[in-house]
């Protein structure tokens, strides 16, 4: 039987269409000859997740996202997953949505629970969770900081407003004058510093000589200190102590009335007698001075001695 050209063309078109359908299904993660299980998961939002994204267990790819659509009569998102048919983890496992990288892509990671009493079967719906991505974590950390910065900016605005109210025209003028005076003072300090440097440069030789003399004086003081340290100070102190003790003994002897000095100081009768004798001696000397004839008789012819008459002269 001869195959006509039209039949050949039809067979070629049908073969190409079949290859196209198979390739398209393969690229979308669907298999014409189904050997997978269909699982479902419900999320509040799945921004960044696309059909064909991988489904993995412990990092190993075990399937793909086949469909993303709204759950009927709600705003929740229903995710349809195709996973290997031979997988036998529990239907109590969790489908966790996570970020795959910094560029924002997302995928599903199944956190398996192995329980032989409730192995997954085609059409089961898994529990779901969302793992915070790096961007979300950064946003959580930045949010309190942003609130603090806004509070600081508000305080700064209030501060600047208060300063503006305080700094009236007179205050601003005074502040300007103060700054000008401060600038003048700074310039004067700079000039004084330069003058001090010039003086030091000019008198460098004298300063060196002064420091040299100071060093010599210090050395001399050190020598004197060493000499004093080597002197027999302890012997001198011991002799001085012995002298003090001797004086104390003498004073004790006098106070106790022993010896001539002690009797003179402590014997009241002796003191009175000495005082009376001193007065009589003073009267005798005075009388001798004014009446010498009463006590001295001198005659060339042997004049007879006359008795003393108190009423004469």
Protein backbone atom coordinates (compact mmCIF):
# COMPACT_ATOMS: atom_id res chain seq x y z
CA UNK A 1 0.00 0.00 0.00
CA UNK A 2 1.44 3.24 -1.04
CA UNK A 3 1.43 6.04 1.57
CA UNK A 4 0.43 9.27 0.01
CA UNK A 5 2.12 12.58 0.63
CA UNK A 6 -0.85 13.87 2.57
CA UNK A 7 -0.67 10.98 5.03
CA UNK A 8 3.03 11.51 5.57
CA UNK A 9 2.42 15.18 6.20
CA UNK A 10 -0.32 14.40 8.70
CA UNK A 11 1.85 11.88 10.56
CA UNK A 12 4.70 14.41 10.71
CA UNK A 13 2.40 17.15 12.05
CA UNK A 14 0.90 14.85 14.69
CA UNK A 15 4.36 13.69 15.78
CA UNK A 16 5.56 17.27 16.07
CA UNK A 17 2.47 18.25 18.07
CA UNK A 18 3.00 15.30 20.42
CA UNK A 19 6.63 16.23 20.92
CA UNK A 20 5.60 19.83 21.59
CA UNK A 21 3.02 18.77 24.18
CA UNK A 22 5.50 16.44 25.90
CA UNK A 23 8.24 19.11 25.95
CA UNK A 24 5.86 21.75 27.25
CA UNK A 25 4.63 19.43 30.00
CA UNK A 26 8.17 18.45 30.88
CA UNK A 27 9.27 22.05 31.15
CA UNK A 28 6.28 22.80 33.41
CA UNK A 29 7.12 19.84 35.62
CA UNK A 30 4.18 17.74 34.47
CA UNK A 31 4.57 14.20 33.31
CA UNK A 32 2.34 12.71 30.64
CA UNK A 33 2.91 9.31 32.09
CA UNK A 34 2.07 10.16 35.67
CA UNK A 35 4.26 8.50 38.31
CA UNK A 36 3.85 11.18 41.02
CA UNK A 37 1.59 12.00 43.94
CA UNK A 38 -0.38 15.21 44.01
CA UNK A 39 -0.24 17.09 47.33
CA UNK A 40 -1.76 20.41 48.37
CA UNK A 41 -0.85 23.26 50.72
CA UNK A 42 -2.72 26.41 51.71
CA UNK A 43 -0.95 29.73 52.41
CA UNK A 44 -1.98 33.28 53.21
CA UNK A 45 0.38 34.70 50.60
CA UNK A 46 3.12 33.26 48.35
CA UNK A 47 4.81 36.31 46.84
CA UNK A 48 7.81 35.19 44.79
CA UNK A 49 6.65 31.58 44.34
CA UNK A 50 6.06 30.45 40.74
CA UNK A 51 4.86 27.29 39.02
CA UNK A 52 7.74 24.92 38.40
CA UNK A 53 9.55 25.89 41.61
CA UNK A 54 11.15 22.88 43.26
CA UNK A 55 9.84 20.88 46.17
CA UNK A 56 12.64 19.41 48.30
CA UNK A 57 13.26 17.30 51.38
CA UNK A 58 16.49 18.11 53.28
CA UNK A 59 17.76 19.95 50.21
CA UNK A 60 17.06 17.09 47.74
CA UNK A 61 14.59 17.90 44.96
CA UNK A 62 11.62 15.48 45.09
CA UNK A 63 9.07 17.34 43.00
CA UNK A 64 7.78 20.61 41.62
CA UNK A 65 5.00 23.16 42.02
CA UNK A 66 2.44 22.35 39.35
CA UNK A 67 -0.23 24.96 40.05
CA UNK A 68 -0.83 28.12 42.10
CA UNK A 69 -4.37 29.37 42.46
CA UNK A 70 -6.90 30.80 44.91
CA UNK A 71 -8.67 28.46 47.27
CA UNK A 72 -12.34 28.57 46.18
CA UNK A 73 -14.43 31.25 47.89
CA UNK A 74 -11.42 32.61 49.89
CA UNK A 75 -8.39 34.84 49.42
CA UNK A 76 -6.01 32.09 50.53
CA UNK A 77 -3.61 30.54 48.05
CA UNK A 78 -3.79 26.85 47.14
CA UNK A 79 -0.51 25.28 46.07
CA UNK A 80 -0.52 22.05 44.05
CA UNK A 81 2.64 19.95 44.33
CA UNK A 82 3.75 16.91 42.38
CA UNK A 83 6.18 14.70 44.33
CA UNK A 84 7.71 11.29 43.73
CA UNK A 85 5.27 8.45 44.04
CA UNK A 86 7.62 6.27 46.09
CA UNK A 87 7.86 8.77 48.97
CA UNK A 88 6.17 7.44 52.09
CA UNK A 89 6.43 10.15 54.74
CA UNK A 90 3.46 10.94 57.00
CA UNK A 91 0.62 13.21 55.96
CA UNK A 92 1.36 15.10 59.22
CA UNK A 93 4.50 16.52 57.59
CA UNK A 94 4.80 20.27 56.97
CA UNK A 95 5.28 22.10 53.67
CA UNK A 96 7.48 25.09 54.54
CA UNK A 97 7.70 28.06 52.20
CA UNK A 98 11.20 29.64 52.18
CA UNK A 99 13.39 32.04 50.21
CA UNK A 100 15.96 30.42 47.94
CA UNK A 101 18.32 33.43 47.82
CA UNK A 102 18.78 37.17 48.03
CA UNK A 103 17.09 37.81 44.69
CA UNK A 104 13.71 36.82 46.16
CA UNK A 105 12.95 33.39 44.65
CA UNK A 106 10.93 30.97 46.76
CA UNK A 107 10.40 27.22 46.97
CA UNK A 108 8.75 24.55 49.13
CA UNK A 109 10.68 22.39 51.58
CA UNK A 110 8.83 19.44 53.09
CA UNK A 111 9.70 18.81 56.73
CA UNK A 112 8.92 15.09 56.85
CA UNK A 113 7.40 13.16 59.72
CA UNK A 114 7.72 9.39 59.35
CA UNK A 115 4.73 7.58 60.76
CA UNK A 116 3.71 4.33 59.09
CA UNK A 117 0.11 4.66 60.33
CA UNK A 118 -0.59 7.74 58.20
CA UNK A 119 1.50 7.62 55.02
CA UNK A 120 0.68 10.27 52.43
CA UNK A 121 -1.51 9.38 49.52
CA UNK A 122 -2.45 11.18 46.38
CA UNK A 123 -4.61 14.25 47.09
CA UNK A 124 -3.56 14.83 50.74
CA UNK A 125 -3.25 18.37 52.07
CA UNK A 126 -0.14 19.07 54.18
CA UNK A 127 0.23 21.49 57.05
CA UNK A 128 2.06 24.66 56.00
CA UNK A 129 4.49 27.16 57.48
CA UNK A 130 6.55 30.12 56.28
CA UNK A 131 10.24 30.53 57.13
CA UNK A 132 11.20 34.21 57.45
CA UNK A 133 13.59 35.23 54.71
CA UNK A 134 16.68 37.37 55.04
CA UNK A 135 14.80 40.43 53.81
CA UNK A 136 12.03 39.90 56.36
CA UNK A 137 14.54 39.38 59.19
CA UNK A 138 16.34 42.58 58.22
CA UNK A 139 13.02 44.42 58.11
CA UNK A 140 12.19 43.13 61.61
CA UNK A 141 15.53 44.40 62.92
CA UNK A 142 15.28 47.72 61.09
CA UNK A 143 11.73 48.50 62.19
CA UNK A 144 12.59 49.23 65.89
CA UNK A 145 15.63 51.20 64.73
CA UNK A 146 13.44 53.17 62.36
CA UNK A 147 11.04 53.99 65.20
CA UNK A 148 13.94 55.19 67.36
CA UNK A 149 15.34 57.31 64.53
CA UNK A 150 11.93 58.89 63.95
CA UNK A 151 11.67 59.63 67.68
CA UNK A 152 15.16 61.17 67.65
CA UNK A 153 14.29 63.30 64.64
CA UNK A 154 11.13 64.49 66.38
CA UNK A 155 13.16 65.38 69.49
CA UNK A 156 15.75 67.14 67.33
CA UNK A 157 13.03 69.17 65.65
CA UNK A 158 11.67 70.17 69.05
CA UNK A 159 15.18 71.06 70.22
CA UNK A 160 15.89 73.19 67.19
CA UNK A 161 12.53 74.89 67.57
CA UNK A 162 13.33 75.67 71.22
CA UNK A 163 16.78 76.97 70.29
CA UNK A 164 15.25 79.17 67.61
CA UNK A 165 12.85 80.62 70.18
CA UNK A 166 15.66 81.25 72.68
CA UNK A 167 18.08 82.77 70.17
CA UNK A 168 16.39 86.10 69.54
CA UNK A 169 18.17 88.94 67.74
CA UNK A 170 19.98 90.19 70.85
CA UNK A 171 21.11 86.70 71.81
CA UNK A 172 22.33 86.02 68.29
CA UNK A 173 24.26 89.30 68.31
CA UNK A 174 25.86 88.46 71.67
CA UNK A 175 26.70 84.97 70.47
CA UNK A 176 28.30 86.40 67.35
CA UNK A 177 30.38 88.80 69.46
CA UNK A 178 31.39 85.93 71.76
CA UNK A 179 32.55 83.89 68.79
CA UNK A 180 34.49 86.87 67.45
CA UNK A 181 36.15 87.39 70.85
CA UNK A 182 36.95 83.69 70.96
CA UNK A 183 38.56 83.95 67.55
CA UNK A 184 40.63 86.95 68.69
CA UNK A 185 41.68 85.08 71.84
CA UNK A 186 42.71 82.10 69.74
CA UNK A 187 44.81 84.32 67.49
CA UNK A 188 46.46 85.90 70.54
CA UNK A 189 47.23 82.48 71.92
CA UNK A 190 48.81 81.50 68.62
CA UNK A 191 50.94 84.66 68.67
CA UNK A 192 51.94 84.02 72.28
CA UNK A 193 52.86 80.45 71.39
CA UNK A 194 55.04 81.66 68.51
CA UNK A 195 56.69 84.23 70.81
CA UNK A 196 57.37 81.55 73.40
CA UNK A 197 58.95 79.36 70.74
CA UNK A 198 61.15 82.26 69.59
CA UNK A 199 62.20 83.00 73.18
CA UNK A 200 63.08 79.35 73.73
CA UNK A 201 65.09 79.27 70.52
CA UNK A 202 66.91 82.49 71.45
CA UNK A 203 67.73 81.40 75.00
CA UNK A 204 68.44 77.77 74.24
CA UNK A 205 72.06 78.11 75.33
CA UNK A 206 71.12 79.77 78.64
CA UNK A 207 68.48 77.14 79.28
CA UNK A 208 70.98 74.38 78.68
CA UNK A 209 73.39 76.05 81.12
CA UNK A 210 70.61 76.44 83.69
CA UNK A 211 69.66 72.79 83.44
CA UNK A 212 73.34 71.86 83.74
CA UNK A 213 73.67 73.96 86.92
CA UNK A 214 70.48 72.43 88.27
CA UNK A 215 71.91 68.98 87.68
CA UNK A 216 75.13 69.93 89.51
CA UNK A 217 73.11 71.30 92.43
CA UNK A 218 71.09 68.11 92.56
CA UNK A 219 74.26 66.05 92.58
CA UNK A 220 75.66 68.19 95.43
CA UNK A 221 72.47 67.76 97.44
CA UNK A 222 72.69 64.04 96.88
CA UNK A 223 76.29 64.03 98.13
CA UNK A 224 75.28 65.99 101.24
CA UNK A 225 72.43 63.58 101.84
CA UNK A 226 74.80 60.63 101.50
CA UNK A 227 77.24 62.27 103.93
CA UNK A 228 74.49 62.83 106.48
CA UNK A 229 73.40 59.23 106.05
CA UNK A 230 76.94 58.00 106.72
CA UNK A 231 77.46 60.26 109.78
CA UNK A 232 77.29 58.75 113.30
CA UNK A 233 73.93 60.29 114.03
CA UNK A 234 72.89 57.46 116.28
CA UNK A 235 75.95 57.99 118.53
CA UNK A 236 75.23 61.73 118.74
CA UNK A 237 71.62 61.07 119.65
CA UNK A 238 72.74 58.58 122.29
CA UNK A 239 75.12 61.15 123.87
CA UNK A 240 72.41 63.80 123.80
CA UNK A 241 70.02 61.38 125.49
CA UNK A 242 72.56 60.64 128.22
CA UNK A 243 73.07 64.39 128.81
CA UNK A 244 69.31 64.88 129.16
CA UNK A 245 69.15 62.01 131.62
CA UNK A 246 71.97 63.62 133.71
CA UNK A 247 70.13 66.93 133.77
CA UNK A 248 66.97 65.14 134.85
CA UNK A 249 68.86 63.52 137.75
CA UNK A 250 70.26 66.92 138.85
CA UNK A 251 66.80 68.47 138.72
CA UNK A 252 65.38 65.54 140.70
CA UNK A 253 68.13 65.93 143.34
CA UNK A 254 67.43 69.65 143.67
CA UNK A 255 63.69 69.10 143.93
CA UNK A 256 64.20 66.48 146.66
CA UNK A 257 66.25 68.98 148.76
CA UNK A 258 69.53 67.10 148.58
CA UNK A 259 72.79 69.02 148.33
CA UNK A 260 73.49 72.71 148.77
CA UNK A 261 71.40 73.80 145.79
CA UNK A 262 68.50 71.65 146.96
CA UNK A 263 68.62 73.10 150.45
CA UNK A 264 68.86 76.65 149.11
CA UNK A 265 65.78 76.08 146.98
CA UNK A 266 63.65 73.93 149.28
CA UNK A 267 64.66 75.14 152.88
CA UNK A 268 62.38 78.12 153.59
CA UNK A 269 64.13 79.02 156.90
CA UNK A 270 67.52 79.10 155.25
CA UNK A 271 66.07 81.30 152.57
CA UNK A 272 64.66 83.73 155.17
CA UNK A 273 67.98 83.85 157.03
CA UNK A 274 69.92 84.53 153.86
CA UNK A 275 67.41 87.22 152.92
CA UNK A 276 67.71 88.90 156.34
CA UNK A 277 71.50 88.67 156.25
CA UNK A 278 71.49 90.22 152.80
CA UNK A 279 69.38 93.12 154.02
CA UNK A 280 71.62 93.69 157.06
CA UNK A 281 74.69 93.56 154.85
CA UNK A 282 73.11 96.12 152.54
CA UNK A 283 72.34 98.40 155.54
CA UNK A 284 75.88 97.99 156.83
CA UNK A 285 77.41 98.92 153.49
CA UNK A 286 75.11 101.96 153.22
CA UNK A 287 76.02 103.12 156.76
CA UNK A 288 79.72 102.55 156.09
CA UNK A 289 79.44 104.65 152.98
CA UNK A 290 77.88 107.64 154.72
CA UNK A 291 79.56 107.30 158.19
CA UNK A 292 83.01 105.84 157.67
CA UNK A 293 84.26 107.39 160.94
CA UNK A 294 82.15 105.06 162.91
CA UNK A 295 84.12 102.09 161.65
CA UNK A 296 87.60 103.44 160.81
CA UNK A 297 89.69 105.34 163.46
CA UNK A 298 93.05 106.65 162.41
CA UNK A 299 95.28 108.98 164.51
CA UNK A 300 98.93 109.88 164.31
CA UNK A 301 99.06 110.68 168.02
CA UNK A 302 97.29 107.68 169.29
CA UNK A 303 93.95 109.29 169.98
CA UNK A 304 91.86 107.31 172.36
CA UNK A 305 89.11 105.38 170.80
CA UNK A 306 85.67 106.83 171.38
CA UNK A 307 82.56 104.73 171.77
CA UNK A 308 80.01 104.64 169.00
CA UNK A 309 77.19 107.10 169.39
CA UNK A 310 74.26 106.36 167.19
CA UNK A 311 72.84 109.89 167.43
CA UNK A 312 75.92 111.56 165.94
CA UNK A 313 75.38 112.81 162.46
